[in-house]
Amino acid sequence: MKIGSLENKALTPLAGERTPAPAAKTEKSAPESSTQVTLSPTATSLGDTGAEFDAAKVERISAAIRDGKFQVNAEAIADKLISNAQELLNRNAR
């Protein structure tokens, strides 16, 4: 498990100013598109992790947090942070 992507790059805002949202129409129709959104390759790849969502695991963790029984394994987190740092340093050394 990685804690964040090692290839994150700062996102740059699109040129132009924001325009206020148009007033809501009373009739049902498709909203007009006034803004074009383009995702960077990094942002696009974030959605393509291939990992499956485990709803049961999320519920177990939520219940443990809610009940005050969730325990953080600081050693595992530290090990993963060190592993991520080593991977980043190895990529930059090439």
N, C-alpha and C. Protein backbone atom coordinates (compact mmCIF):
# COMPACT_ATOMS: atom_id res chain seq x y z
N MET A 1 0.84 -1.18 0.00
CA MET A 1 0.00 0.00 0.00
C MET A 1 0.88 1.23 0.00
N LYS A 2 0.64 2.11 -0.92
CA LYS A 2 1.38 3.35 -1.01
C LYS A 2 0.61 4.45 -0.31
N ILE A 3 1.33 5.37 0.27
CA ILE A 3 0.70 6.54 0.88
C ILE A 3 0.96 7.70 -0.06
N GLY A 4 0.10 7.87 -1.02
CA GLY A 4 0.27 8.94 -2.00
C GLY A 4 1.08 8.47 -3.19
N SER A 5 0.92 9.18 -4.26
CA SER A 5 1.63 8.87 -5.48
C SER A 5 2.99 9.55 -5.47
N LEU A 6 3.99 8.87 -5.99
CA LEU A 6 5.32 9.45 -6.03
C LEU A 6 5.51 10.36 -7.24
N GLU A 7 4.56 10.33 -8.15
CA GLU A 7 4.70 11.12 -9.37
C GLU A 7 3.73 12.30 -9.38
N ASN A 8 3.31 12.75 -8.21
CA ASN A 8 2.40 13.90 -8.17
C ASN A 8 3.11 15.14 -8.68
N LYS A 9 2.44 15.88 -9.50
CA LYS A 9 2.97 17.15 -9.99
C LYS A 9 1.94 18.21 -9.68
N ALA A 10 2.39 19.41 -9.48
CA ALA A 10 1.47 20.51 -9.17
C ALA A 10 0.54 20.74 -10.36
N LEU A 11 -0.72 20.93 -10.07
CA LEU A 11 -1.69 21.22 -11.12
C LEU A 11 -1.70 22.71 -11.38
N THR A 12 -1.75 23.08 -12.63
CA THR A 12 -1.79 24.50 -12.95
C THR A 12 -3.22 24.87 -13.31
N PRO A 13 -3.68 26.02 -12.86
CA PRO A 13 -5.05 26.41 -13.17
C PRO A 13 -5.19 26.75 -14.65
N LEU A 14 -6.39 26.56 -15.16
CA LEU A 14 -6.67 26.92 -16.54
C LEU A 14 -6.73 28.43 -16.67
N ALA A 15 -6.35 28.92 -17.83
CA ALA A 15 -6.40 30.36 -18.06
C ALA A 15 -7.85 30.82 -18.09
N GLY A 16 -8.07 32.02 -17.65
CA GLY A 16 -9.43 32.56 -17.66
C GLY A 16 -9.98 32.69 -16.26
N GLU A 17 -11.07 33.38 -16.18
CA GLU A 17 -11.70 33.60 -14.89
C GLU A 17 -12.90 32.68 -14.73
N ARG A 18 -13.26 32.46 -13.49
CA ARG A 18 -14.47 31.69 -13.23
C ARG A 18 -15.68 32.56 -13.50
N THR A 19 -16.71 31.95 -14.02
CA THR A 19 -17.95 32.68 -14.23
C THR A 19 -18.97 32.14 -13.25
N PRO A 20 -19.86 33.00 -12.76
CA PRO A 20 -20.86 32.51 -11.82
C PRO A 20 -21.78 31.51 -12.49
N ALA A 21 -22.26 30.57 -11.70
CA ALA A 21 -23.16 29.55 -12.23
C ALA A 21 -24.47 30.20 -12.66
N PRO A 22 -25.04 29.76 -13.77
CA PRO A 22 -26.31 30.33 -14.21
C PRO A 22 -27.43 29.97 -13.24
N ALA A 23 -28.46 30.78 -13.20
CA ALA A 23 -29.61 30.52 -12.33
C ALA A 23 -30.26 29.21 -12.75
N ALA A 24 -30.78 28.50 -11.78
CA ALA A 24 -31.42 27.21 -12.05
C ALA A 24 -32.68 27.43 -12.90
N LYS A 25 -32.85 26.57 -13.88
CA LYS A 25 -34.03 26.65 -14.74
C LYS A 25 -35.13 25.79 -14.13
N THR A 26 -36.34 26.18 -14.34
CA THR A 26 -37.46 25.42 -13.79
C THR A 26 -37.79 24.23 -14.66
N GLU A 27 -37.53 24.31 -15.95
CA GLU A 27 -37.81 23.19 -16.83
C GLU A 27 -36.63 22.23 -16.81
N LYS A 28 -36.90 20.96 -17.01
CA LYS A 28 -35.84 19.96 -16.99
C LYS A 28 -35.19 19.89 -18.37
N SER A 29 -33.92 20.23 -18.41
CA SER A 29 -33.18 20.13 -19.66
C SER A 29 -31.72 19.88 -19.30
N ALA A 30 -30.97 19.45 -20.29
CA ALA A 30 -29.55 19.18 -20.05
C ALA A 30 -28.85 20.50 -19.77
N PRO A 31 -27.97 20.53 -18.76
CA PRO A 31 -27.27 21.78 -18.45
C PRO A 31 -26.32 22.16 -19.58
N GLU A 32 -26.18 23.46 -19.77
CA GLU A 32 -25.25 23.94 -20.79
C GLU A 32 -23.83 23.80 -20.28
N SER A 33 -22.95 23.38 -21.16
CA SER A 33 -21.55 23.25 -20.80
C SER A 33 -20.84 24.56 -21.11
N SER A 34 -20.33 25.21 -20.05
CA SER A 34 -19.64 26.48 -20.26
C SER A 34 -18.15 26.36 -19.96
N THR A 35 -17.74 25.23 -19.44
CA THR A 35 -16.35 25.05 -19.06
C THR A 35 -15.85 23.72 -19.59
N GLN A 36 -14.63 23.73 -20.10
CA GLN A 36 -14.02 22.49 -20.56
C GLN A 36 -13.00 22.06 -19.53
N VAL A 37 -13.07 20.81 -19.11
CA VAL A 37 -12.15 20.28 -18.12
C VAL A 37 -11.27 19.24 -18.78
N THR A 38 -9.96 19.37 -18.59
CA THR A 38 -9.02 18.41 -19.11
C THR A 38 -8.17 17.90 -17.96
N LEU A 39 -8.09 16.59 -17.80
CA LEU A 39 -7.30 16.00 -16.73
C LEU A 39 -5.90 15.68 -17.24
N SER A 40 -4.93 15.88 -16.36
CA SER A 40 -3.56 15.52 -16.70
C SER A 40 -3.43 14.00 -16.71
N PRO A 41 -2.39 13.46 -17.32
CA PRO A 41 -2.20 12.01 -17.29
C PRO A 41 -2.10 11.47 -15.86
N THR A 42 -1.49 12.24 -14.96
CA THR A 42 -1.38 11.81 -13.57
C THR A 42 -2.75 11.71 -12.93
N ALA A 43 -3.58 12.72 -13.12
CA ALA A 43 -4.92 12.71 -12.55
C ALA A 43 -5.75 11.58 -13.14
N THR A 44 -5.61 11.34 -14.43
CA THR A 44 -6.35 10.27 -15.09
C THR A 44 -5.93 8.92 -14.54
N SER A 45 -4.65 8.74 -14.28
CA SER A 45 -4.16 7.45 -13.79
C SER A 45 -4.61 7.16 -12.37
N LEU A 46 -4.97 8.18 -11.61
CA LEU A 46 -5.43 7.97 -10.24
C LEU A 46 -6.72 7.15 -10.21
N GLY A 47 -7.54 7.29 -11.22
CA GLY A 47 -8.78 6.54 -11.27
C GLY A 47 -8.61 5.14 -11.81
N ASP A 48 -7.45 4.82 -12.36
CA ASP A 48 -7.20 3.51 -12.96
C ASP A 48 -6.30 2.66 -12.09
N THR A 49 -6.60 2.56 -10.80
CA THR A 49 -5.73 1.81 -9.89
C THR A 49 -5.92 0.32 -10.02
N GLY A 50 -7.08 -0.11 -10.52
CA GLY A 50 -7.34 -1.53 -10.64
C GLY A 50 -7.74 -2.15 -9.31
N ALA A 51 -7.66 -1.39 -8.23
CA ALA A 51 -8.03 -1.90 -6.92
C ALA A 51 -9.54 -1.97 -6.81
N GLU A 52 -10.01 -3.01 -6.15
CA GLU A 52 -11.43 -3.15 -5.94
C GLU A 52 -11.83 -2.50 -4.63
N PHE A 53 -13.02 -1.98 -4.58
CA PHE A 53 -13.55 -1.35 -3.38
C PHE A 53 -14.13 -2.44 -2.48
N ASP A 54 -13.66 -2.51 -1.25
CA ASP A 54 -14.13 -3.51 -0.29
C ASP A 54 -15.04 -2.83 0.72
N ALA A 55 -16.34 -2.81 0.42
CA ALA A 55 -17.31 -2.12 1.27
C ALA A 55 -17.35 -2.72 2.67
N ALA A 56 -17.19 -4.02 2.78
CA ALA A 56 -17.23 -4.67 4.09
C ALA A 56 -16.05 -4.20 4.96
N LYS A 57 -14.88 -4.06 4.35
CA LYS A 57 -13.70 -3.60 5.10
C LYS A 57 -13.90 -2.16 5.56
N VAL A 58 -14.44 -1.33 4.68
CA VAL A 58 -14.70 0.07 5.03
C VAL A 58 -15.67 0.14 6.21
N GLU A 59 -16.70 -0.68 6.17
CA GLU A 59 -17.68 -0.70 7.26
C GLU A 59 -17.05 -1.17 8.56
N ARG A 60 -16.20 -2.20 8.51
CA ARG A 60 -15.51 -2.67 9.72
C ARG A 60 -14.65 -1.57 10.33
N ILE A 61 -13.90 -0.87 9.48
CA ILE A 61 -13.03 0.21 9.98
C ILE A 61 -13.88 1.36 10.52
N SER A 62 -14.95 1.70 9.81
CA SER A 62 -15.83 2.77 10.28
C SER A 62 -16.43 2.44 11.64
N ALA A 63 -16.86 1.20 11.81
CA ALA A 63 -17.45 0.78 13.08
C ALA A 63 -16.41 0.84 14.19
N ALA A 64 -15.18 0.40 13.89
CA ALA A 64 -14.11 0.44 14.90
C ALA A 64 -13.81 1.87 15.31
N ILE A 65 -13.78 2.79 14.36
CA ILE A 65 -13.54 4.21 14.67
C ILE A 65 -14.69 4.74 15.49
N ARG A 66 -15.91 4.45 15.07
CA ARG A 66 -17.10 4.92 15.76
C ARG A 66 -17.15 4.41 17.20
N ASP A 67 -16.73 3.16 17.41
CA ASP A 67 -16.75 2.55 18.74
C ASP A 67 -15.51 2.87 19.57
N GLY A 68 -14.56 3.59 18.98
CA GLY A 68 -13.34 3.94 19.71
C GLY A 68 -12.38 2.78 19.85
N LYS A 69 -12.50 1.78 18.98
CA LYS A 69 -11.65 0.58 19.07
C LYS A 69 -10.58 0.52 17.98
N PHE A 70 -10.56 1.50 17.09
CA PHE A 70 -9.59 1.48 15.99
C PHE A 70 -8.21 1.85 16.52
N GLN A 71 -7.22 1.03 16.18
CA GLN A 71 -5.85 1.30 16.61
C GLN A 71 -4.97 1.51 15.38
N VAL A 72 -4.18 2.57 15.42
CA VAL A 72 -3.27 2.88 14.33
C VAL A 72 -1.97 2.11 14.54
N ASN A 73 -1.51 1.45 13.48
CA ASN A 73 -0.24 0.73 13.55
C ASN A 73 0.85 1.66 13.03
N ALA A 74 1.42 2.43 13.95
CA ALA A 74 2.42 3.44 13.58
C ALA A 74 3.64 2.81 12.93
N GLU A 75 4.02 1.61 13.34
CA GLU A 75 5.19 0.95 12.76
C GLU A 75 4.97 0.63 11.28
N ALA A 76 3.77 0.14 10.95
CA ALA A 76 3.47 -0.17 9.55
C ALA A 76 3.45 1.10 8.71
N ILE A 77 2.90 2.17 9.24
CA ILE A 77 2.87 3.44 8.52
C ILE A 77 4.28 3.95 8.29
N ALA A 78 5.12 3.88 9.32
CA ALA A 78 6.50 4.34 9.19
C ALA A 78 7.25 3.51 8.15
N ASP A 79 7.06 2.19 8.17
CA ASP A 79 7.72 1.32 7.19
C ASP A 79 7.32 1.69 5.76
N LYS A 80 6.04 1.98 5.55
CA LYS A 80 5.57 2.33 4.21
C LYS A 80 6.08 3.70 3.77
N LEU A 81 6.17 4.64 4.71
CA LEU A 81 6.72 5.95 4.38
C LEU A 81 8.20 5.82 3.98
N ILE A 82 8.94 5.02 4.72
CA ILE A 82 10.36 4.82 4.40
C ILE A 82 10.49 4.13 3.04
N SER A 83 9.65 3.14 2.78
CA SER A 83 9.68 2.44 1.50
C SER A 83 9.38 3.39 0.34
N ASN A 84 8.38 4.25 0.52
CA ASN A 84 8.04 5.23 -0.52
C ASN A 84 9.19 6.20 -0.75
N ALA A 85 9.83 6.64 0.33
CA ALA A 85 10.96 7.57 0.20
C ALA A 85 12.12 6.91 -0.53
N GLN A 86 12.40 5.65 -0.20
CA GLN A 86 13.49 4.93 -0.88
C GLN A 86 13.19 4.76 -2.37
N GLU A 87 11.94 4.45 -2.68
CA GLU A 87 11.55 4.30 -4.09
C GLU A 87 11.72 5.62 -4.84
N LEU A 88 11.31 6.71 -4.22
CA LEU A 88 11.45 8.02 -4.84
C LEU A 88 12.92 8.37 -5.05
N LEU A 89 13.76 8.11 -4.07
CA LEU A 89 15.19 8.39 -4.19
C LEU A 89 15.82 7.54 -5.28
N ASN A 90 15.41 6.29 -5.39
CA ASN A 90 15.95 5.41 -6.43
C ASN A 90 15.53 5.88 -7.81
N ARG A 91 14.31 6.38 -7.95
CA ARG A 91 13.86 6.89 -9.26
C ARG A 91 14.64 8.14 -9.66
N ASN A 92 14.90 9.01 -8.69
CA ASN A 92 15.61 10.24 -8.97
C ASN A 92 17.09 10.01 -9.23
N ALA A 93 17.64 8.91 -8.73
CA ALA A 93 19.05 8.61 -8.92
C ALA A 93 19.34 8.12 -10.34
N ARG A 94 18.32 7.64 -11.03
CA ARG A 94 18.53 7.09 -12.39
C ARG A 94 18.74 8.15 -13.39
